[in-house]
N, C-alpha and C. Protein backbone atom coordinates (compact mmCIF):
# COMPACT_ATOMS: atom_id res chain seq x y z
N MET A 1 26.21 13.50 -20.66
CA MET A 1 26.28 14.12 -19.35
C MET A 1 26.73 15.57 -19.52
N ALA A 2 25.96 16.47 -19.01
CA ALA A 2 26.26 17.89 -19.15
C ALA A 2 27.39 18.29 -18.19
N LYS A 3 28.01 19.43 -18.50
CA LYS A 3 29.09 19.91 -17.64
C LYS A 3 28.59 20.19 -16.23
N THR A 4 27.37 20.69 -16.14
CA THR A 4 26.83 21.00 -14.81
C THR A 4 26.65 19.74 -13.98
N ASP A 5 26.30 18.63 -14.64
CA ASP A 5 26.16 17.37 -13.93
C ASP A 5 27.49 16.91 -13.35
N LYS A 6 28.56 17.11 -14.13
CA LYS A 6 29.89 16.75 -13.65
C LYS A 6 30.30 17.62 -12.47
N ILE A 7 29.94 18.88 -12.55
CA ILE A 7 30.27 19.80 -11.46
C ILE A 7 29.51 19.40 -10.19
N LYS A 8 28.23 19.09 -10.35
CA LYS A 8 27.43 18.66 -9.20
C LYS A 8 27.98 17.37 -8.59
N GLU A 9 28.35 16.43 -9.45
CA GLU A 9 28.89 15.16 -8.97
C GLU A 9 30.20 15.38 -8.21
N HIS A 10 31.05 16.26 -8.76
CA HIS A 10 32.32 16.58 -8.09
C HIS A 10 32.07 17.24 -6.73
N ALA A 11 31.08 18.12 -6.67
CA ALA A 11 30.77 18.80 -5.41
C ALA A 11 30.26 17.80 -4.37
N LYS A 12 29.41 16.86 -4.81
CA LYS A 12 28.91 15.83 -3.88
C LYS A 12 30.06 14.97 -3.37
N GLN A 13 30.96 14.60 -4.25
CA GLN A 13 32.10 13.77 -3.87
C GLN A 13 32.99 14.51 -2.88
N LYS A 14 33.21 15.78 -3.16
CA LYS A 14 34.04 16.60 -2.27
C LYS A 14 33.40 16.73 -0.89
N SER A 15 32.08 16.91 -0.88
CA SER A 15 31.35 17.03 0.38
C SER A 15 31.41 15.73 1.18
N SER A 16 31.22 14.59 0.52
CA SER A 16 31.26 13.32 1.24
C SER A 16 32.67 13.02 1.75
N ASN A 17 33.69 13.42 0.98
CA ASN A 17 35.08 13.25 1.44
C ASN A 17 35.33 14.10 2.68
N ARG A 18 34.84 15.34 2.66
CA ARG A 18 35.04 16.24 3.80
C ARG A 18 34.32 15.69 5.03
N GLN A 19 33.11 15.19 4.82
CA GLN A 19 32.35 14.61 5.94
C GLN A 19 33.11 13.43 6.53
N ALA A 20 33.66 12.57 5.69
CA ALA A 20 34.43 11.41 6.16
C ALA A 20 35.66 11.85 6.94
N GLU A 21 36.32 12.90 6.48
CA GLU A 21 37.49 13.42 7.19
C GLU A 21 37.12 13.91 8.59
N VAL A 22 36.02 14.65 8.67
CA VAL A 22 35.60 15.20 9.96
C VAL A 22 35.18 14.08 10.90
N LEU A 23 34.43 13.10 10.39
CA LEU A 23 34.01 11.98 11.23
C LEU A 23 35.21 11.17 11.71
N ALA A 24 36.21 11.00 10.85
CA ALA A 24 37.45 10.30 11.23
C ALA A 24 38.17 11.09 12.33
N ALA A 25 38.18 12.40 12.20
CA ALA A 25 38.83 13.24 13.22
C ALA A 25 38.10 13.10 14.56
N ILE A 26 36.78 13.02 14.53
CA ILE A 26 36.01 12.84 15.77
C ILE A 26 36.37 11.50 16.41
N LYS A 27 36.45 10.44 15.60
CA LYS A 27 36.83 9.13 16.14
C LYS A 27 38.23 9.17 16.75
N ASP A 28 39.15 9.85 16.07
CA ASP A 28 40.51 9.98 16.59
C ASP A 28 40.53 10.74 17.92
N MET A 29 39.71 11.78 18.01
CA MET A 29 39.63 12.55 19.24
C MET A 29 39.09 11.68 20.39
N VAL A 30 38.11 10.85 20.08
CA VAL A 30 37.55 9.97 21.12
C VAL A 30 38.61 8.98 21.58
N LYS A 31 39.32 8.38 20.61
CA LYS A 31 40.37 7.41 20.96
C LYS A 31 41.47 8.05 21.80
N ALA A 32 41.78 9.31 21.50
CA ALA A 32 42.83 10.02 22.23
C ALA A 32 42.34 10.54 23.57
N GLY A 33 41.04 10.41 23.82
CA GLY A 33 40.49 10.88 25.09
C GLY A 33 40.29 12.38 25.14
N GLU A 34 40.30 13.03 23.99
CA GLU A 34 40.09 14.48 23.94
C GLU A 34 38.61 14.81 24.11
N LYS A 35 38.35 16.00 24.58
CA LYS A 35 36.98 16.47 24.71
C LYS A 35 36.44 16.80 23.32
N VAL A 36 35.25 16.27 23.02
CA VAL A 36 34.66 16.46 21.70
C VAL A 36 33.50 17.43 21.81
N THR A 37 33.70 18.62 21.27
CA THR A 37 32.65 19.64 21.20
C THR A 37 32.70 20.23 19.79
N PHE A 38 31.69 21.01 19.46
CA PHE A 38 31.69 21.64 18.15
C PHE A 38 32.93 22.52 17.99
N TYR A 39 33.29 23.21 19.06
CA TYR A 39 34.45 24.11 19.01
C TYR A 39 35.74 23.32 18.81
N SER A 40 35.92 22.23 19.58
CA SER A 40 37.16 21.46 19.47
C SER A 40 37.28 20.77 18.11
N VAL A 41 36.16 20.31 17.57
CA VAL A 41 36.18 19.69 16.24
C VAL A 41 36.50 20.75 15.18
N GLN A 42 35.97 21.95 15.37
CA GLN A 42 36.26 23.03 14.43
C GLN A 42 37.76 23.34 14.43
N LYS A 43 38.34 23.44 15.62
CA LYS A 43 39.77 23.74 15.73
C LYS A 43 40.62 22.63 15.11
N LYS A 44 40.20 21.39 15.35
CA LYS A 44 40.97 20.23 14.87
C LYS A 44 40.90 20.08 13.35
N THR A 45 39.72 20.31 12.77
CA THR A 45 39.51 20.03 11.34
C THR A 45 39.55 21.27 10.46
N GLY A 46 39.33 22.44 11.04
CA GLY A 46 39.28 23.65 10.25
C GLY A 46 37.93 23.87 9.58
N ALA A 47 36.96 23.00 9.87
CA ALA A 47 35.62 23.15 9.31
C ALA A 47 34.89 24.27 10.04
N SER A 48 34.00 24.94 9.35
CA SER A 48 33.25 26.02 10.00
C SER A 48 32.22 25.44 10.96
N LYS A 49 31.87 26.23 11.96
CA LYS A 49 30.86 25.78 12.92
C LYS A 49 29.53 25.55 12.23
N SER A 50 29.20 26.40 11.28
CA SER A 50 27.92 26.23 10.58
C SER A 50 27.91 24.91 9.82
N TYR A 51 29.05 24.51 9.24
CA TYR A 51 29.12 23.22 8.54
C TYR A 51 28.90 22.08 9.54
N LEU A 52 29.54 22.19 10.69
CA LEU A 52 29.41 21.13 11.70
C LEU A 52 27.98 21.02 12.21
N TYR A 53 27.34 22.15 12.45
CA TYR A 53 25.96 22.13 12.95
C TYR A 53 24.97 21.70 11.87
N ASN A 54 25.19 22.11 10.63
CA ASN A 54 24.23 21.84 9.56
C ASN A 54 24.36 20.44 8.95
N ASN A 55 25.52 19.81 9.08
CA ASN A 55 25.70 18.45 8.57
C ASN A 55 25.15 17.49 9.63
N GLU A 56 24.07 16.82 9.29
CA GLU A 56 23.34 16.00 10.27
C GLU A 56 24.21 14.88 10.84
N ALA A 57 24.95 14.18 10.01
CA ALA A 57 25.77 13.07 10.48
C ALA A 57 26.84 13.55 11.46
N ILE A 58 27.49 14.65 11.12
CA ILE A 58 28.55 15.19 11.98
C ILE A 58 27.95 15.73 13.27
N SER A 59 26.87 16.46 13.14
CA SER A 59 26.22 17.04 14.31
C SER A 59 25.77 15.94 15.28
N ASN A 60 25.16 14.88 14.74
CA ASN A 60 24.73 13.77 15.59
C ASN A 60 25.91 13.07 16.24
N ALA A 61 27.02 12.92 15.51
CA ALA A 61 28.21 12.28 16.07
C ALA A 61 28.76 13.10 17.23
N ILE A 62 28.86 14.40 17.05
CA ILE A 62 29.39 15.26 18.11
C ILE A 62 28.46 15.24 19.32
N LYS A 63 27.17 15.39 19.07
CA LYS A 63 26.21 15.37 20.18
C LYS A 63 26.22 14.03 20.90
N GLY A 64 26.35 12.94 20.14
CA GLY A 64 26.37 11.61 20.75
C GLY A 64 27.57 11.42 21.64
N VAL A 65 28.75 11.84 21.18
CA VAL A 65 29.96 11.72 21.98
C VAL A 65 29.88 12.64 23.19
N ARG A 66 29.37 13.81 22.98
CA ARG A 66 29.25 14.79 24.06
C ARG A 66 28.30 14.29 25.14
N ASP A 67 27.24 13.57 24.72
CA ASP A 67 26.26 13.06 25.67
C ASP A 67 26.65 11.71 26.27
N GLY A 68 27.83 11.22 25.92
CA GLY A 68 28.31 9.99 26.54
C GLY A 68 28.33 8.79 25.63
N ALA A 69 27.74 8.87 24.46
CA ALA A 69 27.79 7.75 23.52
C ALA A 69 29.08 7.84 22.73
N THR A 70 29.60 6.70 22.33
CA THR A 70 30.79 6.71 21.51
C THR A 70 30.43 6.21 20.12
N PRO A 71 31.06 6.76 19.10
CA PRO A 71 30.75 6.29 17.74
C PRO A 71 31.10 4.81 17.61
N ARG A 72 30.27 4.07 16.94
CA ARG A 72 30.48 2.63 16.80
C ARG A 72 31.29 2.34 15.54
N SER A 73 32.11 1.33 15.65
CA SER A 73 32.85 0.89 14.46
C SER A 73 31.95 -0.03 13.65
N ASP A 74 32.40 -0.33 12.44
CA ASP A 74 31.62 -1.22 11.59
C ASP A 74 31.51 -2.60 12.21
N ASN A 75 32.56 -3.05 12.90
CA ASN A 75 32.53 -4.36 13.54
C ASN A 75 31.49 -4.42 14.66
N SER A 76 31.43 -3.37 15.46
CA SER A 76 30.45 -3.37 16.55
C SER A 76 29.04 -3.26 16.00
N ASN A 77 28.87 -2.51 14.92
CA ASN A 77 27.55 -2.45 14.27
C ASN A 77 27.14 -3.82 13.76
N ALA A 78 28.08 -4.54 13.16
CA ALA A 78 27.79 -5.88 12.65
C ALA A 78 27.42 -6.82 13.78
N ALA A 79 28.11 -6.70 14.90
CA ALA A 79 27.81 -7.55 16.05
C ALA A 79 26.42 -7.25 16.60
N ILE A 80 26.07 -5.98 16.64
CA ILE A 80 24.74 -5.60 17.13
C ILE A 80 23.67 -6.12 16.19
N VAL A 81 23.89 -6.00 14.89
CA VAL A 81 22.93 -6.49 13.90
C VAL A 81 22.76 -8.00 14.04
N ALA A 82 23.88 -8.72 14.20
CA ALA A 82 23.81 -10.18 14.35
C ALA A 82 23.03 -10.56 15.61
N ALA A 83 23.27 -9.85 16.70
CA ALA A 83 22.56 -10.15 17.95
C ALA A 83 21.06 -9.87 17.80
N LEU A 84 20.74 -8.77 17.13
CA LEU A 84 19.32 -8.44 16.92
C LEU A 84 18.64 -9.46 16.01
N ARG A 85 19.36 -9.94 15.02
CA ARG A 85 18.79 -10.97 14.13
C ARG A 85 18.52 -12.26 14.91
N THR A 86 19.46 -12.64 15.77
CA THR A 86 19.28 -13.84 16.59
C THR A 86 18.07 -13.67 17.50
N GLU A 87 17.97 -12.52 18.13
CA GLU A 87 16.83 -12.24 19.02
C GLU A 87 15.53 -12.26 18.23
N ASN A 88 15.55 -11.70 17.02
CA ASN A 88 14.37 -11.68 16.17
C ASN A 88 13.92 -13.10 15.82
N LYS A 89 14.86 -13.96 15.46
CA LYS A 89 14.53 -15.35 15.14
C LYS A 89 13.93 -16.06 16.35
N LYS A 90 14.51 -15.82 17.51
CA LYS A 90 14.00 -16.44 18.74
C LYS A 90 12.57 -15.98 19.01
N LEU A 91 12.32 -14.70 18.86
CA LEU A 91 10.98 -14.17 19.10
C LEU A 91 9.97 -14.66 18.06
N GLN A 92 10.41 -14.80 16.81
CA GLN A 92 9.52 -15.33 15.78
C GLN A 92 9.15 -16.78 16.08
N LYS A 93 10.11 -17.57 16.55
CA LYS A 93 9.85 -18.96 16.91
C LYS A 93 8.86 -19.03 18.08
N GLU A 94 9.08 -18.18 19.08
CA GLU A 94 8.18 -18.14 20.24
C GLU A 94 6.77 -17.73 19.81
N LEU A 95 6.67 -16.77 18.92
CA LEU A 95 5.37 -16.32 18.42
C LEU A 95 4.66 -17.46 17.69
N ALA A 96 5.40 -18.19 16.87
CA ALA A 96 4.81 -19.32 16.14
C ALA A 96 4.29 -20.37 17.11
N GLU A 97 5.05 -20.64 18.17
CA GLU A 97 4.62 -21.62 19.18
C GLU A 97 3.36 -21.14 19.89
N LEU A 98 3.31 -19.87 20.22
CA LEU A 98 2.13 -19.32 20.89
C LEU A 98 0.91 -19.36 19.98
N LYS A 99 1.10 -19.07 18.70
CA LYS A 99 -0.02 -19.14 17.76
C LYS A 99 -0.54 -20.56 17.65
N LYS A 100 0.39 -21.53 17.60
CA LYS A 100 -0.01 -22.93 17.51
C LYS A 100 -0.77 -23.35 18.76
N ALA A 101 -0.26 -22.94 19.92
CA ALA A 101 -0.94 -23.28 21.18
C ALA A 101 -2.32 -22.64 21.23
N ASN A 102 -2.42 -21.42 20.74
CA ASN A 102 -3.70 -20.72 20.72
C ASN A 102 -4.67 -21.42 19.78
N ASP A 103 -4.18 -21.83 18.61
CA ASP A 103 -5.03 -22.56 17.66
C ASP A 103 -5.49 -23.88 18.26
N ASP A 104 -4.59 -24.58 18.94
CA ASP A 104 -4.94 -25.86 19.56
C ASP A 104 -5.99 -25.67 20.65
N SER A 105 -5.89 -24.59 21.44
CA SER A 105 -6.86 -24.39 22.51
C SER A 105 -8.24 -24.09 21.92
N TYR A 106 -8.28 -23.33 20.85
CA TYR A 106 -9.57 -23.08 20.20
C TYR A 106 -10.13 -24.37 19.60
N LYS A 107 -9.25 -25.18 19.06
CA LYS A 107 -9.69 -26.44 18.49
C LYS A 107 -10.27 -27.34 19.57
N ALA A 108 -9.60 -27.39 20.73
CA ALA A 108 -10.09 -28.21 21.84
C ALA A 108 -11.43 -27.68 22.34
N LYS A 109 -11.57 -26.36 22.46
CA LYS A 109 -12.84 -25.78 22.90
C LYS A 109 -13.95 -26.08 21.90
N TYR A 110 -13.61 -26.03 20.61
CA TYR A 110 -14.60 -26.33 19.58
C TYR A 110 -15.05 -27.78 19.67
N GLU A 111 -14.09 -28.67 19.81
CA GLU A 111 -14.43 -30.09 19.90
C GLU A 111 -15.28 -30.37 21.14
N LYS A 112 -14.97 -29.75 22.26
CA LYS A 112 -15.74 -29.94 23.49
C LYS A 112 -17.16 -29.42 23.29
N ALA A 113 -17.30 -28.24 22.70
CA ALA A 113 -18.64 -27.67 22.46
C ALA A 113 -19.42 -28.53 21.49
N LYS A 114 -18.78 -29.07 20.48
CA LYS A 114 -19.43 -29.92 19.49
C LYS A 114 -19.94 -31.20 20.15
N ALA A 115 -19.12 -31.80 21.02
CA ALA A 115 -19.53 -33.00 21.73
C ALA A 115 -20.73 -32.72 22.63
N GLU A 116 -20.72 -31.56 23.29
CA GLU A 116 -21.83 -31.20 24.17
C GLU A 116 -23.12 -30.99 23.36
N VAL A 117 -23.00 -30.38 22.18
CA VAL A 117 -24.17 -30.18 21.32
C VAL A 117 -24.74 -31.54 20.90
N GLU A 118 -23.87 -32.46 20.53
CA GLU A 118 -24.33 -33.80 20.14
C GLU A 118 -25.03 -34.49 21.30
N LYS A 119 -24.48 -34.34 22.49
CA LYS A 119 -25.08 -34.95 23.68
C LYS A 119 -26.47 -34.36 23.93
N LEU A 120 -26.59 -33.04 23.79
CA LEU A 120 -27.88 -32.38 24.00
C LEU A 120 -28.89 -32.79 22.92
N LYS A 121 -28.44 -32.97 21.70
CA LYS A 121 -29.32 -33.42 20.62
C LYS A 121 -29.90 -34.80 20.94
N LYS A 122 -29.02 -35.68 21.41
CA LYS A 122 -29.48 -37.03 21.76
C LYS A 122 -30.49 -36.99 22.90
N GLN A 123 -30.25 -36.11 23.89
CA GLN A 123 -31.19 -35.98 25.00
C GLN A 123 -32.54 -35.47 24.51
N LEU A 124 -32.52 -34.51 23.58
CA LEU A 124 -33.77 -33.98 23.03
C LEU A 124 -34.52 -35.05 22.24
N GLU A 125 -33.79 -35.80 21.42
CA GLU A 125 -34.42 -36.86 20.65
C GLU A 125 -35.07 -37.90 21.58
N LYS A 126 -34.33 -38.23 22.62
CA LYS A 126 -34.83 -39.19 23.59
C LYS A 126 -36.09 -38.68 24.28
N ALA A 127 -36.08 -37.39 24.64
CA ALA A 127 -37.21 -36.79 25.34
C ALA A 127 -38.43 -36.77 24.44
N TYR A 128 -38.28 -36.49 23.14
CA TYR A 128 -39.43 -36.40 22.24
C TYR A 128 -39.93 -37.78 21.78
N THR A 129 -39.08 -38.77 21.76
CA THR A 129 -39.51 -40.11 21.34
C THR A 129 -40.26 -40.82 22.44
N VAL A 130 -40.08 -40.43 23.68
CA VAL A 130 -40.78 -41.06 24.79
C VAL A 130 -42.27 -40.71 24.70
N TRP A 131 -42.67 -39.61 24.28
CA TRP A 131 -44.07 -39.17 24.26
C TRP A 131 -44.77 -39.77 23.15
């Protein structure tokens, strides 16, 4: 591993730590009922406005809180995922039932048409044997 690789890795780690600090500060501000704006987050964390605007995760968090959404905790995310999985299973089961019903209706139509064809064949045979 080259020295530059270590430097890059350290810089990435430092950046992710800083991002986590700022996101934690935003959550704390929400819990405290403080107004969350780019300016207030800058004052609270000491991060530059350009960093706040250019970091997508932080920018989205600030915009989300500002627009009325609150950042979700890991527990609420897990609950949402579990609910969506349950809904997905329910919809998959319903889809399977509808496919089966659709297959059965085609099967019934096929059997009815087949019986009618046989009936018509017998009528034709009868008509030609009379002559």
